[in-house]
C-alpha atoms as a PDB file:
ATOM      1  CA  MET A   1      17.354  10.324 -33.262  1.00  0.00           C
ATOM      2  CA  PRO A   2      16.818  10.626 -29.485  1.00  0.00           C
ATOM      3  CA  GLY A   3      17.326   7.471 -27.414  1.00  0.00           C
ATOM      4  CA  ARG A   4      14.432   5.710 -25.772  1.00  0.00           C
ATOM      5  CA  LYS A   5      13.703   6.568 -22.170  1.00  0.00           C
ATOM      6  CA  THR A   6      14.665   4.004 -19.568  1.00  0.00           C
ATOM      7  CA  ARG A   7      11.555   2.589 -17.933  1.00  0.00           C
ATOM      8  CA  GLY A   8      11.043   3.724 -14.368  1.00  0.00           C
ATOM      9  CA  LYS A   9      10.886   1.509 -11.286  1.00  0.00           C
ATOM     10  CA  PHE A  10       7.787   0.552  -9.350  1.00  0.00           C
ATOM     11  CA  ILE A  11       8.110   0.175  -5.561  1.00  0.00           C
ATOM     12  CA  THR A  12       5.262  -0.725  -3.227  1.00  0.00           C
ATOM     13  CA  ILE A  13       5.115  -0.736   0.550  1.00  0.00           C
ATOM     14  CA  GLU A  14       2.837  -3.106   2.429  1.00  0.00           C
ATOM     15  CA  GLY A  15       1.821  -4.013   5.952  1.00  0.00           C
ATOM     16  CA  LEU A  16      -0.891  -3.601   8.554  1.00  0.00           C
ATOM     17  CA  ASP A  17      -2.402  -0.176   9.090  1.00  0.00           C
ATOM     18  CA  GLY A  18      -0.485   1.704  11.753  1.00  0.00           C
ATOM     19  CA  CYS A  19       2.873   0.063  10.985  1.00  0.00           C
ATOM     20  CA  GLY A  20       4.449   3.277   9.635  1.00  0.00           C
ATOM     21  CA  LYS A  21       4.120   2.719   5.880  1.00  0.00           C
ATOM     22  CA  SER A  22       3.272   6.299   4.943  1.00  0.00           C
ATOM     23  CA  THR A  23       6.166   7.723   6.961  1.00  0.00           C
ATOM     24  CA  GLN A  24       8.670   5.364   5.373  1.00  0.00           C
ATOM     25  CA  LEU A  25       7.301   5.953   1.874  1.00  0.00           C
ATOM     26  CA  GLU A  26       7.769   9.715   2.166  1.00  0.00           C
ATOM     27  CA  LYS A  27      11.263   9.339   3.620  1.00  0.00           C
ATOM     28  CA  LEU A  28      12.280   7.003   0.792  1.00  0.00           C
ATOM     29  CA  ALA A  29      10.855   9.415  -1.790  1.00  0.00           C
ATOM     30  CA  GLY A  30      12.987  12.187  -0.310  1.00  0.00           C
ATOM     31  CA  VAL A  31      16.153  10.115  -0.622  1.00  0.00           C
ATOM     32  CA  LEU A  32      15.445   9.126  -4.212  1.00  0.00           C
ATOM     33  CA  ARG A  33      14.711  12.718  -5.181  1.00  0.00           C
ATOM     34  CA  CYS A  34      18.006  13.769  -3.649  1.00  0.00           C
ATOM     35  CA  ASP A  35      19.607  11.120  -5.871  1.00  0.00           C
ATOM     36  CA  GLY A  36      18.208  12.998  -8.861  1.00  0.00           C
ATOM     37  CA  LEU A  37      15.312  10.652  -9.645  1.00  0.00           C
ATOM     38  CA  SER A  38      11.835  11.799 -10.634  1.00  0.00           C
ATOM     39  CA  VAL A  39       9.441  10.237  -8.119  1.00  0.00           C
ATOM     40  CA  VAL A  40       5.662   9.826  -8.017  1.00  0.00           C
ATOM     41  CA  VAL A  41       4.141   8.996  -4.616  1.00  0.00           C
ATOM     42  CA  THR A  42       0.631   7.570  -4.546  1.00  0.00           C
ATOM     43  CA  ARG A  43      -1.633   5.310  -2.492  1.00  0.00           C
ATOM     44  CA  GLU A  44      -4.304   2.635  -2.648  1.00  0.00           C
ATOM     45  CA  PRO A  45      -7.161   2.633  -2.647  1.00  0.00           C
ATOM     46  CA  GLY A  46      -7.161   6.098  -4.199  1.00  0.00           C
ATOM     47  CA  GLY A  47      -4.416   7.914  -6.039  1.00  0.00           C
ATOM     48  CA  THR A  48      -6.735   9.364  -8.699  1.00  0.00           C
ATOM     49  CA  VAL A  49      -9.894  11.480  -8.537  1.00  0.00           C
ATOM     50  CA  ILE A  50     -12.020   8.406  -9.240  1.00  0.00           C
ATOM     51  CA  GLY A  51      -9.952   6.230  -6.911  1.00  0.00           C
ATOM     52  CA  GLU A  52     -10.332   8.648  -4.006  1.00  0.00           C
ATOM     53  CA  LYS A  53     -14.121   8.513  -4.390  1.00  0.00           C
ATOM     54  CA  ILE A  54     -13.957   4.718  -4.244  1.00  0.00           C
ATOM     55  CA  ARG A  55     -11.665   4.977  -1.207  1.00  0.00           C
ATOM     56  CA  ALA A  56     -14.284   7.031   0.611  1.00  0.00           C
ATOM     57  CA  VAL A  57     -16.808   4.213   0.151  1.00  0.00           C
ATOM     58  CA  LEU A  58     -14.403   1.414   1.055  1.00  0.00           C
ATOM     59  CA  LEU A  59     -12.925   2.866   4.240  1.00  0.00           C
ATOM     60  CA  ASP A  60     -15.860   4.765   5.748  1.00  0.00           C
ATOM     61  CA  SER A  61     -17.119   2.992   8.872  1.00  0.00           C
ATOM     62  CA  ARG A  62     -20.662   3.987   7.868  1.00  0.00           C
ATOM     63  CA  THR A  63     -20.419   1.687   4.831  1.00  0.00           C
ATOM     64  CA  SER A  64     -22.369  -1.273   6.158  1.00  0.00           C
ATOM     65  CA  GLY A  65     -23.514  -4.396   4.406  1.00  0.00           C
ATOM     66  CA  LEU A  66     -20.696  -4.354   1.848  1.00  0.00           C
ATOM     67  CA  SER A  67     -20.031  -7.942   0.820  1.00  0.00           C
ATOM     68  CA  PRO A  68     -16.409  -9.170   0.771  1.00  0.00           C
ATOM     69  CA  TRP A  69     -16.695  -9.751  -2.981  1.00  0.00           C
ATOM     70  CA  ALA A  70     -18.000  -6.234  -3.575  1.00  0.00           C
ATOM     71  CA  GLU A  71     -15.154  -4.932  -1.419  1.00  0.00           C
ATOM     72  CA  LEU A  72     -12.624  -6.809  -3.544  1.00  0.00           C
ATOM     73  CA  ALA A  73     -14.230  -5.542  -6.759  1.00  0.00           C
ATOM     74  CA  LEU A  74     -14.074  -1.934  -5.557  1.00  0.00           C
ATOM     75  CA  MET A  75     -10.443  -2.322  -4.562  1.00  0.00           C
ATOM     76  CA  PHE A  76      -9.618  -3.469  -8.075  1.00  0.00           C
ATOM     77  CA  ALA A  77     -11.744  -0.739  -9.667  1.00  0.00           C
ATOM     78  CA  SER A  78      -9.608   1.849  -7.890  1.00  0.00           C
ATOM     79  CA  ARG A  79      -6.419  -0.051  -8.741  1.00  0.00           C
ATOM     80  CA  ALA A  80      -7.248  -0.468 -12.434  1.00  0.00           C
ATOM     81  CA  GLN A  81      -7.860   3.283 -12.727  1.00  0.00           C
ATOM     82  CA  GLN A  82      -4.586   4.038 -10.968  1.00  0.00           C
ATOM     83  CA  VAL A  83      -2.605   1.652 -13.177  1.00  0.00           C
ATOM     84  CA  GLU A  84      -4.064   3.199 -16.334  1.00  0.00           C
ATOM     85  CA  GLU A  85      -3.990   6.849 -15.274  1.00  0.00           C
ATOM     86  CA  THR A  86      -0.941   7.141 -13.025  1.00  0.00           C
ATOM     87  CA  ILE A  87       1.405   4.178 -12.738  1.00  0.00           C
ATOM     88  CA  LEU A  88       1.947   3.015 -16.323  1.00  0.00           C
ATOM     89  CA  PRO A  89       2.332   6.550 -17.782  1.00  0.00           C
ATOM     90  CA  ALA A  90       4.846   7.494 -15.083  1.00  0.00           C
ATOM     91  CA  LEU A  91       6.897   4.329 -15.610  1.00  0.00           C
ATOM     92  CA  ALA A  92       6.908   4.922 -19.362  1.00  0.00           C
ATOM     93  CA  GLU A  93       8.309   8.407 -18.727  1.00  0.00           C
ATOM     94  CA  GLY A  94      11.169   6.917 -16.720  1.00  0.00           C
ATOM     95  CA  ARG A  95       9.810   8.047 -13.353  1.00  0.00           C
ATOM     96  CA  TRP A  96       9.918   5.978 -10.164  1.00  0.00           C
ATOM     97  CA  VAL A  97       6.510   5.193  -8.675  1.00  0.00           C
ATOM     98  CA  LEU A  98       6.200   4.639  -4.931  1.00  0.00           C
ATOM     99  CA  CYS A  99       2.801   3.270  -3.953  1.00  0.00           C
ATOM    100  CA  ASP A 100       1.342   2.798  -0.477  1.00  0.00           C
ATOM    101  CA  ARG A 101      -0.294  -0.635  -1.020  1.00  0.00           C
ATOM    102  CA  PHE A 102      -0.999  -2.595  -4.215  1.00  0.00           C
ATOM    103  CA  THR A 103      -2.395  -6.044  -5.046  1.00  0.00           C
ATOM    104  CA  ASP A 104      -0.575  -7.680  -2.112  1.00  0.00           C
ATOM    105  CA  SER A 105      -2.978  -5.748   0.134  1.00  0.00           C
ATOM    106  CA  SER A 106      -5.966  -7.318  -1.589  1.00  0.00           C
ATOM    107  CA  GLU A 107      -4.432 -10.763  -1.272  1.00  0.00           C
ATOM    108  CA  ALA A 108      -3.793 -10.135   2.429  1.00  0.00           C
ATOM    109  CA  TYR A 109      -6.958  -8.269   3.447  1.00  0.00           C
ATOM    110  CA  GLN A 110      -9.598  -9.753   1.155  1.00  0.00           C
ATOM    111  CA  GLY A 111      -7.877 -13.040   0.309  1.00  0.00           C
ATOM    112  CA  GLY A 112      -6.648 -13.686   3.848  1.00  0.00           C
ATOM    113  CA  GLY A 113      -8.671 -11.462   6.182  1.00  0.00           C
ATOM    114  CA  ARG A 114     -11.991 -11.981   4.388  1.00  0.00           C
ATOM    115  CA  GLN A 115     -11.025 -15.571   3.555  1.00  0.00           C
ATOM    116  CA  LEU A 116     -11.722 -15.228  -0.188  1.00  0.00           C
ATOM    117  CA  GLY A 117      -8.441 -16.949  -1.034  1.00  0.00           C
ATOM    118  CA  SER A 118      -5.591 -15.903  -3.301  1.00  0.00           C
ATOM    119  CA  GLU A 119      -6.798 -17.380  -6.584  1.00  0.00           C
ATOM    120  CA  ALA A 120      -9.519 -14.821  -7.308  1.00  0.00           C
ATOM    121  CA  VAL A 121      -7.282 -11.915  -6.268  1.00  0.00           C
ATOM    122  CA  LEU A 122      -4.422 -12.980  -8.532  1.00  0.00           C
ATOM    123  CA  GLU A 123      -6.759 -13.625 -11.470  1.00  0.00           C
ATOM    124  CA  LEU A 124      -8.326 -10.170 -11.135  1.00  0.00           C
ATOM    125  CA  HIS A 125      -4.836  -8.708 -10.978  1.00  0.00           C
ATOM    126  CA  ARG A 126      -3.844 -10.505 -14.161  1.00  0.00           C
ATOM    127  CA  ILE A 127      -6.885  -9.208 -16.024  1.00  0.00           C
ATOM    128  CA  LEU A 128      -7.441  -5.719 -14.610  1.00  0.00           C
ATOM    129  CA  CYS A 129      -3.846  -4.704 -13.909  1.00  0.00           C
ATOM    130  CA  ARG A 130      -2.455  -6.539 -16.929  1.00  0.00           C
ATOM    131  CA  GLY A 131      -0.105  -8.485 -14.683  1.00  0.00           C
ATOM    132  CA  LEU A 132       1.868  -5.373 -13.643  1.00  0.00           C
ATOM    133  CA  GLN A 133       4.241  -6.322 -10.818  1.00  0.00           C
ATOM    134  CA  PRO A 134       6.301  -4.068  -8.575  1.00  0.00           C
ATOM    135  CA  ASN A 135      10.063  -4.196  -9.078  1.00  0.00           C
ATOM    136  CA  LEU A 136      10.347  -4.247  -5.293  1.00  0.00           C
ATOM    137  CA  THR A 137       7.915  -4.565  -2.405  1.00  0.00           C
ATOM    138  CA  ILE A 138       8.797  -3.568   1.154  1.00  0.00           C
ATOM    139  CA  LEU A 139       6.742  -5.548   3.675  1.00  0.00           C
ATOM    140  CA  MET A 140       6.625  -3.835   7.071  1.00  0.00           C
ATOM    141  CA  LEU A 141       6.363  -6.494   9.770  1.00  0.00           C
ATOM    142  CA  SER A 142       4.713  -5.309  12.971  1.00  0.00           C
ATOM    143  CA  ASP A 143       2.871  -6.444  16.070  1.00  0.00           C
ATOM    144  CA  VAL A 144      -0.809  -6.895  15.233  1.00  0.00           C
ATOM    145  CA  ASP A 145      -2.235  -5.355  18.407  1.00  0.00           C
ATOM    146  CA  ALA A 146       0.127  -2.374  18.423  1.00  0.00           C
ATOM    147  CA  SER A 147      -0.447  -1.581  14.739  1.00  0.00           C
ATOM    148  CA  VAL A 148      -4.233  -1.742  14.967  1.00  0.00           C
ATOM    149  CA  THR A 149      -4.292   0.342  18.153  1.00  0.00           C
ATOM    150  CA  ARG A 150      -2.126   2.995  16.523  1.00  0.00           C
ATOM    151  CA  ALA A 151      -4.272   3.054  13.368  1.00  0.00           C
ATOM    152  CA  ARG A 152      -7.483   3.376  15.374  1.00  0.00           C
ATOM    153  CA  ARG A 153      -6.046   6.231  17.433  1.00  0.00           C
ATOM    154  CA  ARG A 154      -4.795   8.003  14.289  1.00  0.00           C
ATOM    155  CA  ASN A 155      -8.095   7.748  12.435  1.00  0.00           C
ATOM    156  CA  GLN A 156     -10.224   8.726  15.417  1.00  0.00           C
ATOM    157  CA  ALA A 157      -8.104  11.867  15.807  1.00  0.00           C
ATOM    158  CA  LYS A 158      -9.160  12.955  12.299  1.00  0.00           C
ATOM    159  CA  ILE A 159     -12.861  13.034  13.214  1.00  0.00           C
ATOM    160  CA  PRO A 160     -13.988  16.261  14.983  1.00  0.00           C
ATOM    161  CA  SER A 161     -15.967  15.958  18.211  1.00  0.00           C
ATOM    162  CA  VAL A 162     -18.563  18.484  17.009  1.00  0.00           C
ATOM    163  CA  VAL A 163     -20.414  17.565  13.815  1.00  0.00           C
ATOM    164  CA  PRO A 164     -21.903  20.562  11.939  1.00  0.00           C
ATOM    165  CA  ALA A 165     -25.587  20.526  10.944  1.00  0.00           C
ATOM    166  CA  THR A 166     -25.066  19.500   7.321  1.00  0.00           C
ATOM    167  CA  ASP A 167     -25.510  16.444   5.168  1.00  0.00           C
ATOM    168  CA  VAL A 168     -21.842  16.590   4.146  1.00  0.00           C
ATOM    169  CA  PRO A 169     -19.455  14.631   6.413  1.00  0.00           C
ATOM    170  CA  PRO A 170     -17.017  17.081   8.084  1.00  0.00           C
ATOM    171  CA  ALA A 171     -13.966  14.859   7.705  1.00  0.00           C
ATOM    172  CA  ALA A 172     -12.857  11.573   6.219  1.00  0.00           C
ATOM    173  CA  ASP A 173     -13.847   8.565   8.301  1.00  0.00           C
ATOM    174  CA  GLU A 174     -11.448   5.723   7.486  1.00  0.00           C
ATOM    175  CA  ASN A 175     -12.139   3.429  10.405  1.00  0.00           C
ATOM    176  CA  ARG A 176     -14.046   0.564   8.767  1.00  0.00           C
ATOM    177  CA  PHE A 177     -11.154  -1.904   8.626  1.00  0.00           C
ATOM    178  CA  GLU A 178      -9.850  -0.911  12.054  1.00  0.00           C
ATOM    179  CA  GLN A 179     -13.143  -2.144  13.547  1.00  0.00           C
ATOM    180  CA  GLU A 180     -12.351  -5.709  12.527  1.00  0.00           C
ATOM    181  CA  SER A 181     -11.369  -8.367  15.076  1.00  0.00           C
ATOM    182  CA  ARG A 182      -7.886  -9.396  16.088  1.00  0.00           C
ATOM    183  CA  ALA A 183      -8.515 -12.725  14.347  1.00  0.00           C
ATOM    184  CA  PHE A 184      -9.110 -10.835  11.082  1.00  0.00           C
ATOM    185  CA  PHE A 185      -5.809  -8.969  11.362  1.00  0.00           C
ATOM    186  CA  GLY A 186      -4.024 -12.156  12.356  1.00  0.00           C
ATOM    187  CA  ARG A 187      -5.169 -13.720   9.071  1.00  0.00           C
ATOM    188  CA  VAL A 188      -4.016 -10.610   7.197  1.00  0.00           C
ATOM    189  CA  ALA A 189      -0.558 -10.794   8.791  1.00  0.00           C
ATOM    190  CA  ARG A 190      -0.213 -14.499   7.976  1.00  0.00           C
ATOM    191  CA  ALA A 191      -1.249 -13.872   4.358  1.00  0.00           C
ATOM    192  CA  TYR A 192       1.440 -11.207   4.043  1.00  0.00           C
ATOM    193  CA  GLN A 193       4.039 -13.611   5.403  1.00  0.00           C
ATOM    194  CA  ALA A 194       2.940 -16.259   2.895  1.00  0.00           C
ATOM    195  CA  ILE A 195       3.405 -13.776   0.023  1.00  0.00           C
ATOM    196  CA  ALA A 196       6.912 -12.948   1.251  1.00  0.00           C
ATOM    197  CA  ARG A 197       7.834 -16.640   1.365  1.00  0.00           C
ATOM    198  CA  ARG A 198       6.388 -17.216  -2.111  1.00  0.00           C
ATOM    199  CA  GLU A 199       8.141 -14.261  -3.763  1.00  0.00           C
ATOM    200  CA  PRO A 200      11.447 -13.575  -1.984  1.00  0.00           C
ATOM    201  CA  GLU A 201      12.958 -12.097  -5.154  1.00  0.00           C
ATOM    202  CA  ARG A 202      10.397  -9.271  -5.026  1.00  0.00           C
ATOM    203  CA  VAL A 203       9.401  -8.889  -1.380  1.00  0.00           C
ATOM    204  CA  VAL A 204      11.796  -7.628   1.295  1.00  0.00           C
ATOM    205  CA  ALA A 205      10.478  -8.046   4.844  1.00  0.00           C
ATOM    206  CA  VAL A 206      11.547  -5.334   7.286  1.00  0.00           C
ATOM    207  CA  ASP A 207      10.975  -5.330  11.046  1.00  0.00           C
ATOM    208  CA  ALA A 208       8.944  -2.132  11.525  1.00  0.00           C
ATOM    209  CA  ARG A 209       8.970  -2.339  15.326  1.00  0.00           C
ATOM    210  CA  ARG A 210      12.380  -0.658  15.512  1.00  0.00           C
ATOM    211  CA  PRO A 211      13.092   3.110  15.521  1.00  0.00           C
ATOM    212  CA  ILE A 212      11.927   4.958  12.400  1.00  0.00           C
ATOM    213  CA  GLU A 213      15.423   5.919  11.281  1.00  0.00           C
ATOM    214  CA  VAL A 214      16.760   2.370  11.586  1.00  0.00           C
ATOM    215  CA  VAL A 215      13.872   1.056   9.481  1.00  0.00           C
ATOM    216  CA  HIS A 216      14.421   3.854   6.963  1.00  0.00           C
ATOM    217  CA  GLN A 217      18.091   3.023   6.497  1.00  0.00           C
ATOM    218  CA  GLU A 218      17.300  -0.656   5.923  1.00  0.00           C
ATOM    219  CA  ILE A 219      14.686   0.222   3.301  1.00  0.00           C
ATOM    220  CA  VAL A 220      17.066   2.585   1.489  1.00  0.00           C
ATOM    221  CA  ALA A 221      19.753  -0.108   1.497  1.00  0.00           C
ATOM    222  CA  ALA A 222      17.335  -2.655  -0.008  1.00  0.00           C
ATOM    223  CA  VAL A 223      16.294  -0.238  -2.755  1.00  0.00           C
ATOM    224  CA  ARG A 224      19.846   0.726  -3.647  1.00  0.00           C
ATOM    225  CA  GLU A 225      21.119  -2.843  -3.688  1.00  0.00           C
ATOM    226  CA  ARG A 226      18.202  -4.429  -5.554  1.00  0.00           C
ATOM    227  CA  LEU A 227      17.267  -1.665  -7.992  1.00  0.00           C
ATOM    228  CA  LEU A 228      20.381   0.452  -8.378  1.00  0.00           C
ATOM    229  CA  GLY A 229      23.030  -2.239  -8.065  1.00  0.00           C
ATOM    230  CA  LYS A 230      24.804  -0.462  -5.223  1.00  0.00           C
ATOM    231  CA  LYS A 231      26.304  -2.517  -2.434  1.00  0.00           C
ATOM    232  CA  VAL A 232      25.499  -0.845   0.863  1.00  0.00           C
ATOM    233  CA  SER A 233      27.585  -1.388   3.971  1.00  0.00           C
ATOM    234  CA  SER A 234      25.975  -2.588   7.159  1.00  0.00           C
ATOM    235  CA  PHE A 235      24.550   0.149   9.376  1.00  0.00           C
END
């Protein structure tokens, strides 16, 4: 009788837009694959066909009049689909799932930034995500102004200067959050820090203002020590 598969690990990466999350997620995935692990890389909102459609509504700067509560509900609609369709099946197969954002983002952006508080976010997580928690969360700490400036520049570069005569948008516009005030992002950053203080056994804070390779090595060390039981020497 074949043995049962070992459940995979779930790693999330969090932080302000423009802090380098996507770069670090891909670099970590490469290392883990070289270690012989089967890795799924995904993102939120999105990650599934349905989730990507929700993402287009949530992040498009032309989405006006969306209430903070509707925003939170849409975030969890995308997340619930991703948990059901992607994350739980992959973990059951013994694969490692690396996700760019998860419920911590909702607690930071909607709970903190939109000032909805943590209670509603955590209750929705309990119900809609069935309490699924990452094995490890990497929190990328960055300067608020620098991160937002970088994110705005990145997203603006995706939008062509000439718009064709068609009803279909020529490219993804994901600038809605980047248009928020510095005060908004300050609240987001403080909410992230509060999560890290509350759950130090899960959340590892990493200074993302340093060179990419230095940050990468620290993330790899955290993953290997906390999830693979390997003591890593200082670098």
